[in-house]
Amino acid sequence: MTLKVPPYTSEPTRFSAGKVSPVSMDSSTKDVPLITSPVITLITVAFDLGFFDSYFIDIPDAKKELLDALLWGLKLEGCAISEKEIRLIIKFEKLLN
């Protein structure tokens, strides 16, 4: 596969994500609790789906420690999440597992 790079121009590149009706988003995500940052939501869902299972090591509470490390790493890189939200997510995950 070859990546074709468009020639350089001084004009800004325009991107379009398409149009999504807020009503359709509401109905398709009504059962999904959203957190402040979509990145945090994405990481939490990926964690729930087992995308990070290969990173578990043989320590007590490895799953909790990994989720805590992921969330704090994102916070320190600038994602909008509070310490309280991190604690709530970890508490919620412990209840599920």
C-alpha atoms as a PDB file:
ATOM      1  CA  MET A   1       0.000   0.000   0.000  1.00  0.00           C
ATOM      2  CA  THR A   2       1.363   3.391  -0.965  1.00  0.00           C
ATOM      3  CA  LEU A   3       0.514   6.557   0.912  1.00  0.00           C
ATOM      4  CA  LYS A   4      -0.129   9.449  -1.434  1.00  0.00           C
ATOM      5  CA  VAL A   5       0.761  12.805   0.049  1.00  0.00           C
ATOM      6  CA  PRO A   6      -0.940  15.802  -1.529  1.00  0.00           C
ATOM      7  CA  PRO A   7       1.328  18.589  -2.741  1.00  0.00           C
ATOM      8  CA  TYR A   8       2.018  21.408  -0.283  1.00  0.00           C
ATOM      9  CA  THR A   9      -0.236  24.423  -0.558  1.00  0.00           C
ATOM     10  CA  SER A  10      -0.605  27.473   1.614  1.00  0.00           C
ATOM     11  CA  GLU A  11      -4.348  26.834   1.828  1.00  0.00           C
ATOM     12  CA  PRO A  12      -5.582  25.198   5.034  1.00  0.00           C
ATOM     13  CA  THR A  13      -6.771  21.623   4.752  1.00  0.00           C
ATOM     14  CA  ARG A  14     -10.461  21.244   5.466  1.00  0.00           C
ATOM     15  CA  PHE A  15     -11.805  18.182   7.220  1.00  0.00           C
ATOM     16  CA  SER A  16     -15.367  17.146   7.713  1.00  0.00           C
ATOM     17  CA  ALA A  17     -16.576  14.621  10.243  1.00  0.00           C
ATOM     18  CA  GLY A  18     -20.026  14.519   8.724  1.00  0.00           C
ATOM     19  CA  LYS A  19     -23.173  15.560  10.453  1.00  0.00           C
ATOM     20  CA  VAL A  20     -24.587  13.658  13.369  1.00  0.00           C
ATOM     21  CA  SER A  21     -27.910  14.625  14.811  1.00  0.00           C
ATOM     22  CA  PRO A  22     -27.783  15.156  18.583  1.00  0.00           C
ATOM     23  CA  VAL A  23     -31.008  13.150  18.785  1.00  0.00           C
ATOM     24  CA  SER A  24     -29.432  10.118  17.067  1.00  0.00           C
ATOM     25  CA  MET A  25     -26.359  10.389  19.295  1.00  0.00           C
ATOM     26  CA  ASP A  26     -28.625  10.554  22.325  1.00  0.00           C
ATOM     27  CA  SER A  27     -30.522   7.413  21.423  1.00  0.00           C
ATOM     28  CA  SER A  28     -27.413   5.418  20.499  1.00  0.00           C
ATOM     29  CA  THR A  29     -25.504   6.343  23.659  1.00  0.00           C
ATOM     30  CA  LYS A  30     -28.325   6.525  26.194  1.00  0.00           C
ATOM     31  CA  ASP A  31     -26.989   3.579  28.232  1.00  0.00           C
ATOM     32  CA  VAL A  32     -23.320   4.619  28.051  1.00  0.00           C
ATOM     33  CA  PRO A  33     -22.195   6.808  30.947  1.00  0.00           C
ATOM     34  CA  LEU A  34     -19.939   9.523  29.540  1.00  0.00           C
ATOM     35  CA  ILE A  35     -17.088  11.023  31.487  1.00  0.00           C
ATOM     36  CA  THR A  36     -15.676  14.543  31.136  1.00  0.00           C
ATOM     37  CA  SER A  37     -13.162  13.670  28.425  1.00  0.00           C
ATOM     38  CA  PRO A  38     -14.000  11.429  25.442  1.00  0.00           C
ATOM     39  CA  VAL A  39     -10.446  10.051  25.624  1.00  0.00           C
ATOM     40  CA  ILE A  40     -11.064   8.900  29.195  1.00  0.00           C
ATOM     41  CA  THR A  41     -14.316   7.258  28.081  1.00  0.00           C
ATOM     42  CA  LEU A  42     -12.494   5.538  25.211  1.00  0.00           C
ATOM     43  CA  ILE A  43      -9.718   4.208  27.467  1.00  0.00           C
ATOM     44  CA  THR A  44     -12.223   3.015  30.085  1.00  0.00           C
ATOM     45  CA  VAL A  45     -14.308   1.172  27.483  1.00  0.00           C
ATOM     46  CA  ALA A  46     -11.156  -0.345  25.924  1.00  0.00           C
ATOM     47  CA  PHE A  47     -10.101  -1.454  29.412  1.00  0.00           C
ATOM     48  CA  ASP A  48     -13.522  -3.068  29.947  1.00  0.00           C
ATOM     49  CA  LEU A  49     -13.255  -4.862  26.615  1.00  0.00           C
ATOM     50  CA  GLY A  50      -9.892  -6.349  27.563  1.00  0.00           C
ATOM     51  CA  PHE A  51      -7.615  -4.394  25.237  1.00  0.00           C
ATOM     52  CA  PHE A  52      -5.062  -3.976  28.051  1.00  0.00           C
ATOM     53  CA  ASP A  53      -5.194  -7.540  29.426  1.00  0.00           C
ATOM     54  CA  SER A  54      -1.761  -8.371  28.023  1.00  0.00           C
ATOM     55  CA  TYR A  55      -0.237  -5.683  30.272  1.00  0.00           C
ATOM     56  CA  PHE A  56      -1.281  -7.312  33.561  1.00  0.00           C
ATOM     57  CA  ILE A  57       1.606  -8.480  35.699  1.00  0.00           C
ATOM     58  CA  ASP A  58       1.611 -10.800  38.682  1.00  0.00           C
ATOM     59  CA  ILE A  59       0.989  -8.305  41.493  1.00  0.00           C
ATOM     60  CA  PRO A  60      -1.958  -7.859  43.849  1.00  0.00           C
ATOM     61  CA  ASP A  61      -4.726  -5.754  42.293  1.00  0.00           C
ATOM     62  CA  ALA A  62      -2.936  -5.643  38.937  1.00  0.00           C
ATOM     63  CA  LYS A  63      -6.104  -4.660  37.079  1.00  0.00           C
ATOM     64  CA  LYS A  64      -6.804  -1.755  39.457  1.00  0.00           C
ATOM     65  CA  GLU A  65      -3.174  -0.601  39.326  1.00  0.00           C
ATOM     66  CA  LEU A  66      -3.104  -0.639  35.523  1.00  0.00           C
ATOM     67  CA  LEU A  67      -6.362   1.319  35.214  1.00  0.00           C
ATOM     68  CA  ASP A  68      -5.118   3.799  37.816  1.00  0.00           C
ATOM     69  CA  ALA A  69      -1.841   4.225  35.909  1.00  0.00           C
ATOM     70  CA  LEU A  70      -3.657   4.705  32.581  1.00  0.00           C
ATOM     71  CA  LEU A  71      -6.022   7.321  33.994  1.00  0.00           C
ATOM     72  CA  TRP A  72      -3.291   9.230  35.832  1.00  0.00           C
ATOM     73  CA  GLY A  73      -1.084   9.127  32.740  1.00  0.00           C
ATOM     74  CA  LEU A  74      -3.868  10.692  30.703  1.00  0.00           C
ATOM     75  CA  LYS A  75      -4.525  13.304  33.402  1.00  0.00           C
ATOM     76  CA  LEU A  76      -0.858  14.260  33.543  1.00  0.00           C
ATOM     77  CA  GLU A  77      -0.783  14.575  29.752  1.00  0.00           C
ATOM     78  CA  GLY A  78      -3.639  17.093  29.899  1.00  0.00           C
ATOM     79  CA  CYS A  79      -6.905  15.163  29.678  1.00  0.00           C
ATOM     80  CA  ALA A  80      -9.800  16.715  31.538  1.00  0.00           C
ATOM     81  CA  ILE A  81     -10.346  14.376  34.478  1.00  0.00           C
ATOM     82  CA  SER A  82     -10.325  15.083  38.190  1.00  0.00           C
ATOM     83  CA  GLU A  83      -8.911  12.979  41.002  1.00  0.00           C
ATOM     84  CA  LYS A  84     -12.489  12.383  42.134  1.00  0.00           C
ATOM     85  CA  GLU A  85     -13.440  11.023  38.691  1.00  0.00           C
ATOM     86  CA  ILE A  86     -10.412   8.704  38.716  1.00  0.00           C
ATOM     87  CA  ARG A  87     -11.455   7.347  42.122  1.00  0.00           C
ATOM     88  CA  LEU A  88     -15.060   6.913  40.912  1.00  0.00           C
ATOM     89  CA  ILE A  89     -14.010   5.039  37.774  1.00  0.00           C
ATOM     90  CA  ILE A  90     -11.763   2.695  39.764  1.00  0.00           C
ATOM     91  CA  LYS A  91     -14.505   2.155  42.357  1.00  0.00           C
ATOM     92  CA  PHE A  92     -17.012   1.427  39.570  1.00  0.00           C
ATOM     93  CA  GLU A  93     -14.619  -1.015  37.885  1.00  0.00           C
ATOM     94  CA  LYS A  94     -14.049  -2.872  41.184  1.00  0.00           C
ATOM     95  CA  LEU A  95     -17.814  -3.325  41.545  1.00  0.00           C
ATOM     96  CA  LEU A  96     -18.097  -4.794  38.073  1.00  0.00           C
ATOM     97  CA  ASN A  97     -15.274  -7.318  38.401  1.00  0.00           C
END
